[in-house]
Structures are given as C-alpha cells and as structure tokens.
Amino acid sequence: MDLAGKKVYLIGTVHISEASGKKVEETIRTVMPPVVCLELDAQRFGALRELDAEGGHFRYSPDVSELMTLPGLMRWLQQKLGEEFGVFPGSEMLSAYRTARAYKLPLALIDRPVQYTIARMWGSMKFSEKMKLAGYLGAATGAFLLKPVMGDRAFSFLSFMGKNRKLDLQALERGEGVDGLLAEFKEEFPSIYKTLVEERDVVMVKNILALLGKFDVLVVVVGLGHVGGMKKLLGEGGVKVELA
C-alpha cells in the first residue's frame, strides 16, 4: 500500500480531563477529516451513545456483585476519579462523537472488543500480578470510600494507585511524565501492559492503515498511553503523524 502523502492527526487524551475534550473538538473542527477514529469497540460505543442520551451525566451505580468483578470495579473507580476532577469519564470520546455528528463526519471504531481484551489480560496475568493489582485497586477503593469521613486526608496515605503520590492531571495533559508512568506500569504489570497497551496499539494501527487505503487524512482519538507506541508504528509504516 502506498502511504505517501497520508496523514494522521493523533490526539492523546486523558479520559477524565475536560481539557482533552476541548482539544478533541478544536482539532476535528480545524481538520474536518473524512473520518474520525475512536479508541472504542461496538460495546463501548453503545455505552457512549447511552451517555449521550442521558445528556452526558449518566452515573454508574453498581451493586455489590458488579463491584466484585474487575470491569465493574475499574469503571466505578474511574467514575470516582472523574468526580475528583469535576468531569465524567469518557467525556473526550463523547466530545468527539458529538462534534463528528454535528459536522456529519463518519466515525470509525478502531479498538478490539473490550471483553476479549479483559479475558486476555486476566488469562495472561501471573498470580503475583493478580495479587498486586488487587492490592492497588483495594488501596484506591479505600481512599474513595474513606473520603466522606476523612476528606482529603484519605488520599494522604491511600493515594493514586496505592502509592504515596497524587495524580497531576494538568501535567499529564501537557504530556509530562507519561513515559515515566508507562515505564513504571510496564515494570509493575508486564502482562497487563502487553495486553492493554502494546497489543491494542498494533490492532488500532492496523485498522488505521486499512482506512488510509481509502482516505488521505484521519483524526484519531486515543488515550494518552497509546500515543507513543502508535506514533512509532505509524511512522514505520510511512505515515506522517501530527500530534494534536
């Protein structure tokens, strides 16, 4: 496939960031691509449309059985983290969806099915990784559950990912510290990193390259953790990449 002259505007977002949503809107309006690509599969896109129907304020209220599952617990934690920063999780994907719809731009879902990813992740994890993940998720859950009683003191000893540090959202929005966080994540959870990041980078780039066989320009909206790997893979394929 001849990819000369093909270009991808790659937008790396923070899933609980209001600024990410604004960046997505501005880029789509400026570029007006023939297709907007989203880091979603059909199931998550359905949830996004449900969120849109609820006016962007859908609240996930799991029962105890749902919180006992990994997807349910992680979704609840992401919602709680979003509440800390005053923005709902997935707002940047909703911004992309609404902006594309407003300008009648087609959408492409470039990620693989979420259930397949979760099954692969859990199946590939060693017992030690599962125990470590349970500890980190338990620490994060404890922080949110204790906050109504202890206020911000709950986060002083049960902080982000179970470690004594706070999540600097503004720094992440500027792209600062992302490589360090990813390197630490890879060291702590090599199996999860391979499944959640590296494998999906390959899948999404493959789908992007297929679309570039039909279109010259694409806007691609993905989580910030995928930007480095996808930029490298696209560059190796001869695609010009501009980070938005």
C-alpha atoms as a PDB file:
ATOM      1  CA  MET A   1       0.000   0.000   0.000  1.00  0.00           C
ATOM      2  CA  ASP A   2       1.335   3.416  -0.974  1.00  0.00           C
ATOM      3  CA  LEU A   3       1.054   5.657   2.090  1.00  0.00           C
ATOM      4  CA  ALA A   4       2.957   8.615   0.663  1.00  0.00           C
ATOM      5  CA  GLY A   5       1.107  11.817   1.470  1.00  0.00           C
ATOM      6  CA  LYS A   6      -1.143  10.153   4.035  1.00  0.00           C
ATOM      7  CA  LYS A   7      -1.502  11.965   7.356  1.00  0.00           C
ATOM      8  CA  VAL A   8      -2.861  11.161  10.801  1.00  0.00           C
ATOM      9  CA  TYR A   9      -3.701  13.752  13.451  1.00  0.00           C
ATOM     10  CA  LEU A  10      -3.178  11.760  16.638  1.00  0.00           C
ATOM     11  CA  ILE A  11      -4.918  13.167  19.717  1.00  0.00           C
ATOM     12  CA  GLY A  12      -3.770  11.734  23.033  1.00  0.00           C
ATOM     13  CA  THR A  13      -6.365  12.283  25.733  1.00  0.00           C
ATOM     14  CA  VAL A  14      -6.736  11.863  29.475  1.00  0.00           C
ATOM     15  CA  HIS A  15     -10.062  10.086  29.999  1.00  0.00           C
ATOM     16  CA  ILE A  16     -11.032  12.263  32.979  1.00  0.00           C
ATOM     17  CA  SER A  17      -9.888  15.604  31.552  1.00  0.00           C
ATOM     18  CA  GLU A  18     -12.101  18.498  30.462  1.00  0.00           C
ATOM     19  CA  ALA A  19      -9.173  19.986  28.527  1.00  0.00           C
ATOM     20  CA  SER A  20      -8.893  16.790  26.475  1.00  0.00           C
ATOM     21  CA  GLY A  21     -12.484  17.181  25.335  1.00  0.00           C
ATOM     22  CA  LYS A  22     -11.857  20.742  24.187  1.00  0.00           C
ATOM     23  CA  LYS A  23      -8.717  19.681  22.325  1.00  0.00           C
ATOM     24  CA  VAL A  24     -10.665  16.971  20.522  1.00  0.00           C
ATOM     25  CA  GLU A  25     -13.391  19.394  19.452  1.00  0.00           C
ATOM     26  CA  GLU A  26     -10.918  22.004  18.208  1.00  0.00           C
ATOM     27  CA  THR A  27      -8.880  19.503  16.217  1.00  0.00           C
ATOM     28  CA  ILE A  28     -11.885  17.967  14.478  1.00  0.00           C
ATOM     29  CA  ARG A  29     -13.296  21.395  13.607  1.00  0.00           C
ATOM     30  CA  THR A  30      -9.943  22.573  12.262  1.00  0.00           C
ATOM     31  CA  VAL A  31      -9.020  19.485  10.237  1.00  0.00           C
ATOM     32  CA  MET A  32     -12.528  18.394   9.158  1.00  0.00           C
ATOM     33  CA  PRO A  33     -11.318  14.893   8.284  1.00  0.00           C
ATOM     34  CA  PRO A  34     -13.322  12.474   6.136  1.00  0.00           C
ATOM     35  CA  VAL A  35     -13.358  10.063   9.104  1.00  0.00           C
ATOM     36  CA  VAL A  36     -12.875  10.414  12.875  1.00  0.00           C
ATOM     37  CA  CYS A  37     -11.337   7.325  14.512  1.00  0.00           C
ATOM     38  CA  LEU A  38     -12.116   6.481  18.128  1.00  0.00           C
ATOM     39  CA  GLU A  39     -10.421   4.155  20.616  1.00  0.00           C
ATOM     40  CA  LEU A  40     -13.681   2.273  21.057  1.00  0.00           C
ATOM     41  CA  ASP A  41     -15.318  -1.011  20.143  1.00  0.00           C
ATOM     42  CA  ALA A  42     -19.014  -1.607  19.460  1.00  0.00           C
ATOM     43  CA  GLN A  43     -19.857  -2.301  23.112  1.00  0.00           C
ATOM     44  CA  ARG A  44     -18.170   0.824  24.454  1.00  0.00           C
ATOM     45  CA  PHE A  45     -19.621   2.889  21.610  1.00  0.00           C
ATOM     46  CA  GLY A  46     -23.069   1.712  22.679  1.00  0.00           C
ATOM     47  CA  ALA A  47     -22.304   2.875  26.220  1.00  0.00           C
ATOM     48  CA  LEU A  48     -21.149   6.216  24.796  1.00  0.00           C
ATOM     49  CA  ARG A  49     -24.424   6.681  22.949  1.00  0.00           C
ATOM     50  CA  GLU A  50     -26.273   5.858  26.169  1.00  0.00           C
ATOM     51  CA  LEU A  51     -24.186   8.530  27.890  1.00  0.00           C
ATOM     52  CA  ASP A  52     -25.120  10.993  25.151  1.00  0.00           C
ATOM     53  CA  ALA A  53     -28.812  10.149  25.549  1.00  0.00           C
ATOM     54  CA  GLU A  54     -28.511  10.886  29.270  1.00  0.00           C
ATOM     55  CA  GLY A  55     -27.122  14.338  28.463  1.00  0.00           C
ATOM     56  CA  GLY A  56     -23.566  13.364  29.359  1.00  0.00           C
ATOM     57  CA  HIS A  57     -24.426  12.781  33.003  1.00  0.00           C
ATOM     58  CA  PHE A  58     -25.013   9.046  33.209  1.00  0.00           C
ATOM     59  CA  ARG A  59     -23.986   7.752  36.614  1.00  0.00           C
ATOM     60  CA  TYR A  60     -22.737   4.215  37.098  1.00  0.00           C
ATOM     61  CA  SER A  61     -24.281   2.758  40.261  1.00  0.00           C
ATOM     62  CA  PRO A  62     -23.057  -0.828  40.548  1.00  0.00           C
ATOM     63  CA  ASP A  63     -24.388  -3.339  43.019  1.00  0.00           C
ATOM     64  CA  VAL A  64     -22.089  -5.426  45.188  1.00  0.00           C
ATOM     65  CA  SER A  65     -21.875  -8.253  42.652  1.00  0.00           C
ATOM     66  CA  GLU A  66     -20.696  -5.838  39.929  1.00  0.00           C
ATOM     67  CA  LEU A  67     -18.057  -4.353  42.225  1.00  0.00           C
ATOM     68  CA  MET A  68     -16.703  -7.852  42.736  1.00  0.00           C
ATOM     69  CA  THR A  69     -15.793  -8.027  39.028  1.00  0.00           C
ATOM     70  CA  LEU A  70     -12.694  -6.371  37.580  1.00  0.00           C
ATOM     71  CA  PRO A  71     -14.558  -4.366  34.871  1.00  0.00           C
ATOM     72  CA  GLY A  72     -17.176  -3.177  37.369  1.00  0.00           C
ATOM     73  CA  LEU A  73     -14.629  -2.096  39.959  1.00  0.00           C
ATOM     74  CA  MET A  74     -12.427  -0.307  37.422  1.00  0.00           C
ATOM     75  CA  ARG A  75     -15.418   1.509  35.923  1.00  0.00           C
ATOM     76  CA  TRP A  76     -16.530   2.643  39.387  1.00  0.00           C
ATOM     77  CA  LEU A  77     -13.016   3.830  40.265  1.00  0.00           C
ATOM     78  CA  GLN A  78     -12.744   5.762  37.007  1.00  0.00           C
ATOM     79  CA  GLN A  79     -16.061   7.467  37.755  1.00  0.00           C
ATOM     80  CA  LYS A  80     -14.894   8.388  41.256  1.00  0.00           C
ATOM     81  CA  LEU A  81     -11.614   9.719  39.894  1.00  0.00           C
ATOM     82  CA  GLY A  82     -13.548  11.787  37.376  1.00  0.00           C
ATOM     83  CA  GLU A  83     -15.649  13.245  40.181  1.00  0.00           C
ATOM     84  CA  GLU A  84     -12.444  14.383  41.884  1.00  0.00           C
ATOM     85  CA  PHE A  85     -11.616  16.483  38.816  1.00  0.00           C
ATOM     86  CA  GLY A  86     -15.158  17.568  38.015  1.00  0.00           C
ATOM     87  CA  VAL A  87     -15.502  15.684  34.731  1.00  0.00           C
ATOM     88  CA  PHE A  88     -17.137  12.375  33.855  1.00  0.00           C
ATOM     89  CA  PRO A  89     -15.016   9.540  32.397  1.00  0.00           C
ATOM     90  CA  GLY A  90     -15.160   9.305  28.620  1.00  0.00           C
ATOM     91  CA  SER A  91     -16.108  12.946  28.161  1.00  0.00           C
ATOM     92  CA  GLU A  92     -13.456  13.374  25.466  1.00  0.00           C
ATOM     93  CA  MET A  93     -14.901  10.482  23.437  1.00  0.00           C
ATOM     94  CA  LEU A  94     -18.355  11.993  23.827  1.00  0.00           C
ATOM     95  CA  SER A  95     -16.952  15.319  22.593  1.00  0.00           C
ATOM     96  CA  ALA A  96     -15.519  13.561  19.536  1.00  0.00           C
ATOM     97  CA  TYR A  97     -18.821  11.795  18.872  1.00  0.00           C
ATOM     98  CA  ARG A  98     -20.889  14.962  19.199  1.00  0.00           C
ATOM     99  CA  THR A  99     -18.517  17.078  17.115  1.00  0.00           C
ATOM    100  CA  ALA A 100     -18.362  14.485  14.337  1.00  0.00           C
ATOM    101  CA  ARG A 101     -22.155  14.203  14.376  1.00  0.00           C
ATOM    102  CA  ALA A 102     -22.564  17.978  14.221  1.00  0.00           C
ATOM    103  CA  TYR A 103     -20.441  18.139  11.066  1.00  0.00           C
ATOM    104  CA  LYS A 104     -21.820  14.878   9.642  1.00  0.00           C
ATOM    105  CA  LEU A 105     -18.403  13.209   9.737  1.00  0.00           C
ATOM    106  CA  PRO A 106     -18.302   9.381   9.768  1.00  0.00           C
ATOM    107  CA  LEU A 107     -16.857   7.562  12.765  1.00  0.00           C
ATOM    108  CA  ALA A 108     -14.579   4.524  12.762  1.00  0.00           C
ATOM    109  CA  LEU A 109     -14.259   2.274  15.823  1.00  0.00           C
ATOM    110  CA  ILE A 110     -10.663   1.054  15.742  1.00  0.00           C
ATOM    111  CA  ASP A 111     -10.254  -0.862  19.011  1.00  0.00           C
ATOM    112  CA  ARG A 112     -10.805  -4.577  19.559  1.00  0.00           C
ATOM    113  CA  PRO A 113     -13.718  -5.892  21.678  1.00  0.00           C
ATOM    114  CA  VAL A 114     -13.304  -4.953  25.326  1.00  0.00           C
ATOM    115  CA  GLN A 115     -14.416  -8.361  26.598  1.00  0.00           C
ATOM    116  CA  TYR A 116     -11.714 -10.048  24.521  1.00  0.00           C
ATOM    117  CA  THR A 117      -9.101  -7.675  25.931  1.00  0.00           C
ATOM    118  CA  ILE A 118     -10.209  -8.295  29.522  1.00  0.00           C
ATOM    119  CA  ALA A 119     -10.217 -12.067  29.008  1.00  0.00           C
ATOM    120  CA  ARG A 120      -6.722 -11.973  27.502  1.00  0.00           C
ATOM    121  CA  MET A 121      -5.439  -9.714  30.250  1.00  0.00           C
ATOM    122  CA  TRP A 122      -6.752 -11.886  33.073  1.00  0.00           C
ATOM    123  CA  GLY A 123      -5.611 -15.082  31.388  1.00  0.00           C
ATOM    124  CA  SER A 124      -2.081 -13.786  30.822  1.00  0.00           C
ATOM    125  CA  MET A 125      -1.502 -12.466  34.346  1.00  0.00           C
ATOM    126  CA  LYS A 126       0.650 -14.373  36.795  1.00  0.00           C
ATOM    127  CA  PHE A 127      -0.749 -14.973  40.269  1.00  0.00           C
ATOM    128  CA  SER A 128       1.674 -12.405  41.711  1.00  0.00           C
ATOM    129  CA  GLU A 129       0.402  -9.762  39.277  1.00  0.00           C
ATOM    130  CA  LYS A 130      -3.208 -10.512  40.196  1.00  0.00           C
ATOM    131  CA  MET A 131      -2.431 -10.114  43.885  1.00  0.00           C
ATOM    132  CA  LYS A 132      -0.537  -6.876  43.282  1.00  0.00           C
ATOM    133  CA  LEU A 133      -3.378  -5.499  41.151  1.00  0.00           C
ATOM    134  CA  ALA A 134      -5.888  -6.434  43.852  1.00  0.00           C
ATOM    135  CA  GLY A 135      -3.784  -4.544  46.394  1.00  0.00           C
ATOM    136  CA  TYR A 136      -3.580  -1.402  44.264  1.00  0.00           C
ATOM    137  CA  LEU A 137      -7.279  -1.436  43.412  1.00  0.00           C
ATOM    138  CA  GLY A 138      -8.079  -2.056  47.067  1.00  0.00           C
ATOM    139  CA  ALA A 139      -5.994   0.948  48.101  1.00  0.00           C
ATOM    140  CA  ALA A 140      -7.702   3.188  45.552  1.00  0.00           C
ATOM    141  CA  THR A 141     -11.142   1.911  46.566  1.00  0.00           C
ATOM    142  CA  GLY A 142     -10.334   2.524  50.222  1.00  0.00           C
ATOM    143  CA  ALA A 143      -9.341   6.104  49.503  1.00  0.00           C
ATOM    144  CA  PHE A 144     -12.659   6.901  47.844  1.00  0.00           C
ATOM    145  CA  LEU A 145     -14.726   5.077  50.469  1.00  0.00           C
ATOM    146  CA  LEU A 146     -12.953   6.866  53.330  1.00  0.00           C
ATOM    147  CA  LYS A 147     -13.117  10.334  51.794  1.00  0.00           C
ATOM    148  CA  PRO A 148     -16.655  11.158  53.064  1.00  0.00           C
ATOM    149  CA  VAL A 149     -15.364  10.586  56.605  1.00  0.00           C
ATOM    150  CA  MET A 150     -11.751  11.757  56.371  1.00  0.00           C
ATOM    151  CA  GLY A 151     -11.866  14.218  53.488  1.00  0.00           C
ATOM    152  CA  ASP A 152      -8.647  14.681  51.531  1.00  0.00           C
ATOM    153  CA  ARG A 153      -6.721  13.024  54.366  1.00  0.00           C
ATOM    154  CA  ALA A 154      -7.945   9.727  52.945  1.00  0.00           C
ATOM    155  CA  PHE A 155      -5.679  10.307  49.963  1.00  0.00           C
ATOM    156  CA  SER A 156      -2.644  11.175  52.075  1.00  0.00           C
ATOM    157  CA  PHE A 157      -1.986   7.520  52.826  1.00  0.00           C
ATOM    158  CA  LEU A 158      -4.147   5.804  50.217  1.00  0.00           C
ATOM    159  CA  SER A 159      -3.146   7.763  47.157  1.00  0.00           C
ATOM    160  CA  PHE A 160      -3.115   7.205  43.422  1.00  0.00           C
ATOM    161  CA  MET A 161      -2.504   3.524  42.525  1.00  0.00           C
ATOM    162  CA  GLY A 162      -1.756   2.738  46.152  1.00  0.00           C
ATOM    163  CA  LYS A 163       1.409   4.825  46.249  1.00  0.00           C
ATOM    164  CA  ASN A 164       2.302   7.984  48.112  1.00  0.00           C
ATOM    165  CA  ARG A 165       1.761  10.439  45.281  1.00  0.00           C
ATOM    166  CA  LYS A 166      -1.054  12.415  43.740  1.00  0.00           C
ATOM    167  CA  LEU A 167      -2.251  12.355  40.167  1.00  0.00           C
ATOM    168  CA  ASP A 168      -1.123  15.577  38.449  1.00  0.00           C
ATOM    169  CA  LEU A 169      -3.791  15.825  35.784  1.00  0.00           C
ATOM    170  CA  GLN A 170      -2.524  19.096  34.324  1.00  0.00           C
ATOM    171  CA  ALA A 171       0.967  17.678  33.888  1.00  0.00           C
ATOM    172  CA  LEU A 172      -0.453  14.661  32.074  1.00  0.00           C
ATOM    173  CA  GLU A 173      -2.488  16.940  29.805  1.00  0.00           C
ATOM    174  CA  ARG A 174       0.798  18.601  28.817  1.00  0.00           C
ATOM    175  CA  GLY A 175       2.311  15.189  28.159  1.00  0.00           C
ATOM    176  CA  GLU A 176       4.681  15.451  31.105  1.00  0.00           C
ATOM    177  CA  GLY A 177       5.585  12.305  32.983  1.00  0.00           C
ATOM    178  CA  VAL A 178       3.668   9.983  30.668  1.00  0.00           C
ATOM    179  CA  ASP A 179       6.719   7.954  29.649  1.00  0.00           C
ATOM    180  CA  GLY A 180       7.708   7.507  33.282  1.00  0.00           C
ATOM    181  CA  LEU A 181       4.244   6.319  34.292  1.00  0.00           C
ATOM    182  CA  LEU A 182       4.108   3.876  31.391  1.00  0.00           C
ATOM    183  CA  ALA A 183       7.567   2.528  32.195  1.00  0.00           C
ATOM    184  CA  GLU A 184       6.546   2.010  35.814  1.00  0.00           C
ATOM    185  CA  PHE A 185       3.291   0.389  34.760  1.00  0.00           C
ATOM    186  CA  LYS A 186       5.182  -1.970  32.444  1.00  0.00           C
ATOM    187  CA  GLU A 187       7.611  -2.896  35.208  1.00  0.00           C
ATOM    188  CA  GLU A 188       4.881  -3.488  37.793  1.00  0.00           C
ATOM    189  CA  PHE A 189       2.414  -5.250  35.486  1.00  0.00           C
ATOM    190  CA  PRO A 190       4.189  -6.579  32.366  1.00  0.00           C
ATOM    191  CA  SER A 191       1.332  -8.864  31.308  1.00  0.00           C
ATOM    192  CA  ILE A 192      -1.304  -6.166  31.703  1.00  0.00           C
ATOM    193  CA  TYR A 193       0.838  -3.644  29.848  1.00  0.00           C
ATOM    194  CA  LYS A 194       1.321  -6.021  26.934  1.00  0.00           C
ATOM    195  CA  THR A 195      -2.397  -6.746  26.690  1.00  0.00           C
ATOM    196  CA  LEU A 196      -3.854  -3.304  27.397  1.00  0.00           C
ATOM    197  CA  VAL A 197      -1.268  -1.160  25.634  1.00  0.00           C
ATOM    198  CA  GLU A 198       1.070  -2.923  23.212  1.00  0.00           C
ATOM    199  CA  GLU A 199      -1.391  -5.367  21.656  1.00  0.00           C
ATOM    200  CA  ARG A 200      -4.073  -2.716  21.236  1.00  0.00           C
ATOM    201  CA  ASP A 201      -1.557  -0.309  19.710  1.00  0.00           C
ATOM    202  CA  VAL A 202      -0.956  -2.893  16.991  1.00  0.00           C
ATOM    203  CA  VAL A 203      -4.674  -3.555  16.461  1.00  0.00           C
ATOM    204  CA  MET A 204      -5.580   0.126  16.214  1.00  0.00           C
ATOM    205  CA  VAL A 205      -2.694   0.944  13.871  1.00  0.00           C
ATOM    206  CA  LYS A 206      -3.694  -1.960  11.617  1.00  0.00           C
ATOM    207  CA  ASN A 207      -7.223  -0.560  11.407  1.00  0.00           C
ATOM    208  CA  ILE A 208      -5.906   2.943  10.753  1.00  0.00           C
ATOM    209  CA  LEU A 209      -3.697   1.707   7.914  1.00  0.00           C
ATOM    210  CA  ALA A 210      -6.696  -0.032   6.360  1.00  0.00           C
ATOM    211  CA  LEU A 211      -8.624   3.249   6.461  1.00  0.00           C
ATOM    212  CA  LEU A 212      -5.688   5.112   4.937  1.00  0.00           C
ATOM    213  CA  GLY A 213      -6.127   2.888   1.916  1.00  0.00           C
ATOM    214  CA  LYS A 214      -9.316   4.876   1.282  1.00  0.00           C
ATOM    215  CA  PHE A 215      -8.654   8.272   2.887  1.00  0.00           C
ATOM    216  CA  ASP A 216      -5.706  10.667   2.889  1.00  0.00           C
ATOM    217  CA  VAL A 217      -6.293  12.261   6.302  1.00  0.00           C
ATOM    218  CA  LEU A 218      -7.630  10.910   9.584  1.00  0.00           C
ATOM    219  CA  VAL A 219      -8.188  12.311  13.054  1.00  0.00           C
ATOM    220  CA  VAL A 220      -7.564   9.621  15.670  1.00  0.00           C
ATOM    221  CA  VAL A 221      -8.659   9.978  19.313  1.00  0.00           C
ATOM    222  CA  VAL A 222      -6.931   7.623  21.768  1.00  0.00           C
ATOM    223  CA  GLY A 223      -5.827   7.572  25.378  1.00  0.00           C
ATOM    224  CA  LEU A 224      -2.515   9.277  26.077  1.00  0.00           C
ATOM    225  CA  GLY A 225      -0.844   5.973  26.908  1.00  0.00           C
ATOM    226  CA  HIS A 226      -1.227   4.781  23.319  1.00  0.00           C
ATOM    227  CA  VAL A 227       0.298   7.804  21.598  1.00  0.00           C
ATOM    228  CA  GLY A 228       3.974   6.846  21.777  1.00  0.00           C
ATOM    229  CA  GLY A 229       3.549   3.293  20.536  1.00  0.00           C
ATOM    230  CA  MET A 230       1.059   4.170  17.813  1.00  0.00           C
ATOM    231  CA  LYS A 231       3.135   7.090  16.553  1.00  0.00           C
ATOM    232  CA  LYS A 232       6.133   4.783  16.234  1.00  0.00           C
ATOM    233  CA  LEU A 233       4.186   2.071  14.409  1.00  0.00           C
ATOM    234  CA  LEU A 234       2.530   4.541  12.043  1.00  0.00           C
ATOM    235  CA  GLY A 235       5.868   6.197  11.307  1.00  0.00           C
ATOM    236  CA  GLU A 236       7.405   2.824  10.490  1.00  0.00           C
ATOM    237  CA  GLY A 237       4.553   2.342   8.030  1.00  0.00           C
ATOM    238  CA  GLY A 238       5.430   5.578   6.256  1.00  0.00           C
ATOM    239  CA  VAL A 239       2.541   7.631   7.615  1.00  0.00           C
ATOM    240  CA  LYS A 240       3.044  11.260   8.583  1.00  0.00           C
ATOM    241  CA  VAL A 241       1.821  11.760  12.147  1.00  0.00           C
ATOM    242  CA  GLU A 242       0.990  15.088  13.749  1.00  0.00           C
ATOM    243  CA  LEU A 243       0.336  15.095  17.476  1.00  0.00           C
ATOM    244  CA  ALA A 244      -2.637  17.287  18.295  1.00  0.00           C
END
